[in-house]
Amino acid sequence: MADLLVVEDDEELATAIAARLRNDGHDVTLTGDGPSAVELVASSRPDLVILDLMLPGFDGLEVCRRIQRDHPVPVIMLTARGSETDRVVGLEVGADDYLCKPFSMRELTARVGALLRRVERSASDPDRVLRSGDLVVDISRRRALVSGQVIGLTATEFDLLTYLLSSPGIVRTREQLLTEVWGYRDGSGPRTVDSHVRSVRRKVGSTVIRTVHGFGYAGTDGHDA
């Protein structure tokens, strides 16, 4: 299946998460602090990281910043904090998804599966390139370039951008994006979509995704190369 890294300093919770994921067929490595998490991502290059926000050494936000800068990997962040600000900050430093504690193992495994499927699906896509102005999106290689410079996008940012540019001008509601890009819906979803759109615009340009107020978002001028 997949190689997963679980970064959680609550040993009981970490053990429970690992047991459930191993039962699903994944290989799981555990660690409980920020510095070792960064080192393990660099050395073992896991397919996905499940990352607690509050960690010894340095917190999950700093872990996420460092691994997305040096060794980008899909990240699901776990947080005991319920504020919208904490969740948005997590998404803006490179997390692809988040879960607020307490959460069910069933929900966690569903989100792990959805994120892994998205990455696998685009990796197996035939050679295909989308363009929008100075932006070039190479789908099969999962690369985005602006004026020839590679732009670091998280797995979810890349999938969101690709989905919108694949049907330029077609407006998608936030609920549609949650279903088609994230693979699920939940009550906090619309805020998640907005945070990722802001991040994508900041990285590749504000004109690539158009906001349709009161409805959703659309890609602009994307086309197959």
Protein backbone atom coordinates (compact mmCIF):
# COMPACT_ATOMS: atom_id res chain seq x y z
CA MET A 1 0.00 0.00 0.00
CA ALA A 2 1.83 3.13 1.22
CA ASP A 3 4.67 4.16 3.54
CA LEU A 4 3.25 6.47 6.22
CA LEU A 5 4.91 8.52 8.94
CA VAL A 6 2.88 9.27 12.08
CA VAL A 7 4.23 12.16 14.18
CA GLU A 8 2.40 12.15 17.52
CA ASP A 9 3.78 12.52 21.04
CA ASP A 10 0.77 10.89 22.71
CA GLU A 11 2.04 7.30 22.68
CA GLU A 12 -1.37 5.73 23.22
CA LEU A 13 -2.92 7.65 20.34
CA ALA A 14 0.09 7.07 18.09
CA THR A 15 -0.06 3.33 18.72
CA ALA A 16 -3.79 3.25 17.98
CA ILE A 17 -3.33 5.17 14.72
CA ALA A 18 -0.47 2.92 13.64
CA ALA A 19 -2.44 -0.25 14.42
CA ARG A 20 -5.42 0.90 12.35
CA LEU A 21 -3.29 1.97 9.39
CA ARG A 22 -1.25 -1.24 9.45
CA ASN A 23 -4.50 -3.17 9.50
CA ASP A 24 -5.32 -1.39 6.23
CA GLY A 25 -2.05 -2.69 4.76
CA HIS A 26 0.18 0.36 5.15
CA ASP A 27 3.75 0.42 6.45
CA VAL A 28 3.86 2.85 9.39
CA THR A 29 6.76 4.57 11.14
CA LEU A 30 6.20 6.42 14.42
CA THR A 31 8.00 9.38 15.95
CA GLY A 32 7.06 11.86 18.64
CA ASP A 33 8.96 15.12 18.16
CA GLY A 34 9.56 17.79 15.55
CA PRO A 35 13.27 17.38 14.78
CA SER A 36 13.07 13.61 14.29
CA ALA A 37 10.03 14.05 12.03
CA VAL A 38 11.97 16.34 9.70
CA GLU A 39 14.92 13.92 9.66
CA LEU A 40 12.70 10.91 8.91
CA VAL A 41 10.97 12.65 6.01
CA ALA A 42 14.36 13.50 4.52
CA SER A 43 15.77 9.98 4.96
CA SER A 44 12.79 7.72 4.28
CA ARG A 45 10.61 9.89 1.97
CA PRO A 46 7.20 8.59 3.13
CA ASP A 47 4.16 8.72 0.87
CA LEU A 48 2.15 10.66 3.47
CA VAL A 49 2.68 12.23 6.91
CA ILE A 50 0.12 12.36 9.72
CA LEU A 51 1.34 15.26 11.83
CA ASP A 52 0.28 16.42 15.29
CA LEU A 53 0.28 20.18 15.83
CA MET A 54 1.67 20.23 19.38
CA LEU A 55 5.07 18.51 19.53
CA PRO A 56 8.26 18.73 21.59
CA GLY A 57 11.33 20.19 19.91
CA PHE A 58 9.32 22.40 17.60
CA ASP A 59 5.66 22.26 16.69
CA GLY A 60 3.86 20.72 13.75
CA LEU A 61 3.62 24.03 11.91
CA GLU A 62 7.40 24.30 11.82
CA VAL A 63 7.71 20.65 10.82
CA CYS A 64 5.29 21.26 7.96
CA ARG A 65 7.13 24.37 6.80
CA ARG A 66 10.46 22.55 6.72
CA ILE A 67 9.35 19.36 4.99
CA GLN A 68 7.27 21.18 2.36
CA ARG A 69 10.25 23.45 1.64
CA ASP A 70 12.82 20.66 1.37
CA HIS A 71 10.96 17.39 0.69
CA PRO A 72 7.31 18.05 -0.26
CA VAL A 73 4.95 15.30 0.87
CA PRO A 74 1.18 15.06 1.50
CA VAL A 75 0.37 16.02 5.11
CA ILE A 76 -2.69 15.50 7.28
CA MET A 77 -2.44 17.64 10.41
CA LEU A 78 -3.95 16.62 13.74
CA THR A 79 -4.92 19.39 16.14
CA ALA A 80 -6.58 19.63 19.53
CA ARG A 81 -7.17 23.30 18.87
CA GLY A 82 -10.58 24.14 17.53
CA SER A 83 -10.07 27.72 16.35
CA GLU A 84 -10.40 28.56 12.69
CA THR A 85 -7.13 30.52 12.82
CA ASP A 86 -5.12 27.45 13.85
CA ARG A 87 -6.63 25.37 11.07
CA VAL A 88 -6.04 28.04 8.43
CA VAL A 89 -2.42 28.53 9.51
CA GLY A 90 -1.88 24.78 9.21
CA LEU A 91 -3.21 24.76 5.67
CA GLU A 92 -1.20 27.84 4.71
CA VAL A 93 2.13 26.31 5.79
CA GLY A 94 1.54 23.30 3.55
CA ALA A 95 -0.86 20.84 5.19
CA ASP A 96 -3.22 19.17 2.73
CA ASP A 97 -5.91 18.33 5.27
CA TYR A 98 -6.55 18.44 8.99
CA LEU A 99 -8.52 16.64 11.67
CA CYS A 100 -9.55 18.10 15.02
CA LYS A 101 -9.17 15.86 18.08
CA PRO A 102 -11.00 13.80 19.10
CA PHE A 103 -11.58 12.10 15.75
CA SER A 104 -12.68 8.65 14.68
CA MET A 105 -10.17 6.22 13.20
CA ARG A 106 -12.66 5.60 10.42
CA GLU A 107 -12.54 9.27 9.40
CA LEU A 108 -8.75 9.34 9.58
CA THR A 109 -8.34 6.29 7.36
CA ALA A 110 -10.92 7.67 4.90
CA ARG A 111 -8.95 10.88 4.54
CA VAL A 112 -5.65 9.03 4.23
CA GLY A 113 -7.15 6.89 1.48
CA ALA A 114 -8.64 9.89 -0.35
CA LEU A 115 -5.36 11.81 -0.33
CA LEU A 116 -3.31 8.81 -1.49
CA ARG A 117 -5.77 8.11 -4.30
CA ARG A 118 -5.53 11.68 -5.58
CA VAL A 119 -1.75 11.52 -5.76
CA GLU A 120 -1.81 8.11 -7.42
CA ARG A 121 -4.45 9.16 -9.94
CA SER A 122 -2.54 12.18 -11.20
CA ALA A 123 0.75 10.26 -11.26
CA SER A 124 -0.78 7.67 -13.57
CA ASP A 125 -2.36 10.29 -15.86
CA PRO A 126 -1.01 10.26 -19.43
CA ASP A 127 1.53 12.94 -20.33
CA ARG A 128 -0.50 16.12 -20.27
CA VAL A 129 0.24 19.79 -19.77
CA LEU A 130 -2.11 22.67 -18.94
CA ARG A 131 -1.34 26.34 -19.47
CA SER A 132 -2.77 29.60 -18.16
CA GLY A 133 -0.75 32.68 -19.05
CA ASP A 134 2.77 32.21 -17.68
CA LEU A 135 1.69 29.15 -15.70
CA VAL A 136 2.47 25.64 -16.98
CA VAL A 137 1.10 22.59 -15.14
CA ASP A 138 2.69 19.24 -15.99
CA ILE A 139 0.13 16.77 -14.65
CA SER A 140 1.99 13.49 -15.00
CA ARG A 141 5.13 14.89 -13.36
CA ARG A 142 3.09 16.87 -10.79
CA ARG A 143 5.00 20.07 -11.49
CA ALA A 144 3.81 23.66 -11.79
CA LEU A 145 6.03 26.33 -13.33
CA VAL A 146 5.59 30.09 -13.56
CA SER A 147 7.83 31.76 -16.16
CA GLY A 148 9.92 28.59 -16.19
CA GLN A 149 10.45 28.47 -12.42
CA VAL A 150 9.15 25.43 -10.51
CA ILE A 151 6.59 26.41 -7.86
CA GLY A 152 6.26 24.34 -4.70
CA LEU A 153 2.65 23.21 -4.35
CA THR A 154 1.25 20.75 -1.83
CA ALA A 155 -0.56 17.67 -3.15
CA THR A 156 -3.96 19.26 -2.55
CA GLU A 157 -2.97 22.62 -4.02
CA PHE A 158 -1.75 20.86 -7.15
CA ASP A 159 -4.92 18.78 -7.48
CA LEU A 160 -7.17 21.81 -6.91
CA LEU A 161 -5.31 23.85 -9.53
CA THR A 162 -5.35 21.00 -12.05
CA TYR A 163 -9.05 20.33 -11.53
CA LEU A 164 -10.04 23.96 -12.11
CA LEU A 165 -7.74 24.47 -15.11
CA SER A 166 -8.93 21.25 -16.74
CA SER A 167 -12.32 22.89 -17.35
CA PRO A 168 -11.60 26.63 -17.63
CA GLY A 169 -14.56 28.92 -17.19
CA ILE A 170 -16.70 26.26 -15.52
CA VAL A 171 -17.68 27.45 -12.06
CA ARG A 172 -17.41 24.86 -9.28
CA THR A 173 -19.07 25.26 -5.92
CA ARG A 174 -17.06 24.67 -2.77
CA GLU A 175 -19.12 21.54 -2.16
CA GLN A 176 -18.28 20.23 -5.63
CA LEU A 177 -14.60 20.88 -5.04
CA LEU A 178 -14.69 19.03 -1.73
CA THR A 179 -16.25 16.03 -3.45
CA GLU A 180 -14.09 16.02 -6.59
CA VAL A 181 -10.73 17.17 -5.19
CA TRP A 182 -10.78 16.21 -1.52
CA GLY A 183 -13.02 13.19 -1.97
CA TYR A 184 -15.37 14.00 0.92
CA ARG A 185 -17.56 16.65 2.49
CA ASP A 186 -17.70 17.92 6.03
CA GLY A 187 -19.00 20.90 7.95
CA SER A 188 -15.66 22.74 7.95
CA GLY A 189 -15.09 22.13 4.25
CA PRO A 190 -15.84 25.52 2.64
CA ARG A 191 -13.21 27.21 4.81
CA THR A 192 -10.72 24.54 3.74
CA VAL A 193 -11.38 25.28 0.07
CA ASP A 194 -11.00 29.03 0.56
CA SER A 195 -7.67 28.59 2.38
CA HIS A 196 -6.24 26.44 -0.40
CA VAL A 197 -7.43 28.83 -3.11
CA ARG A 198 -5.68 31.72 -1.33
CA SER A 199 -2.49 29.70 -1.09
CA VAL A 200 -2.56 28.68 -4.76
CA ARG A 201 -3.12 32.29 -5.84
CA ARG A 202 -0.25 33.48 -3.68
CA LYS A 203 2.10 30.97 -5.32
CA VAL A 204 1.07 31.00 -8.99
CA GLY A 205 -0.74 34.31 -9.45
CA SER A 206 -4.06 35.83 -8.48
CA THR A 207 -5.63 35.67 -11.94
CA VAL A 208 -5.39 31.89 -12.42
CA ILE A 209 -8.48 31.17 -10.29
CA ARG A 210 -11.54 33.40 -10.55
CA THR A 211 -13.95 33.88 -7.64
CA VAL A 212 -17.66 33.86 -8.42
CA HIS A 213 -19.09 35.52 -5.32
CA GLY A 214 -21.81 33.59 -3.61
CA PHE A 215 -21.13 30.48 -5.69
CA GLY A 216 -17.56 29.20 -6.01
CA TYR A 217 -14.45 29.24 -8.20
CA ALA A 218 -13.40 28.77 -11.81
CA GLY A 219 -10.10 28.26 -13.58
CA THR A 220 -9.11 30.85 -16.19
CA ASP A 221 -7.81 30.16 -19.69
CA GLY A 222 -6.37 26.76 -18.96
CA HIS A 223 -5.88 24.54 -21.98
CA ASP A 224 -3.99 21.43 -23.03
CA ALA A 225 -0.60 22.15 -24.51
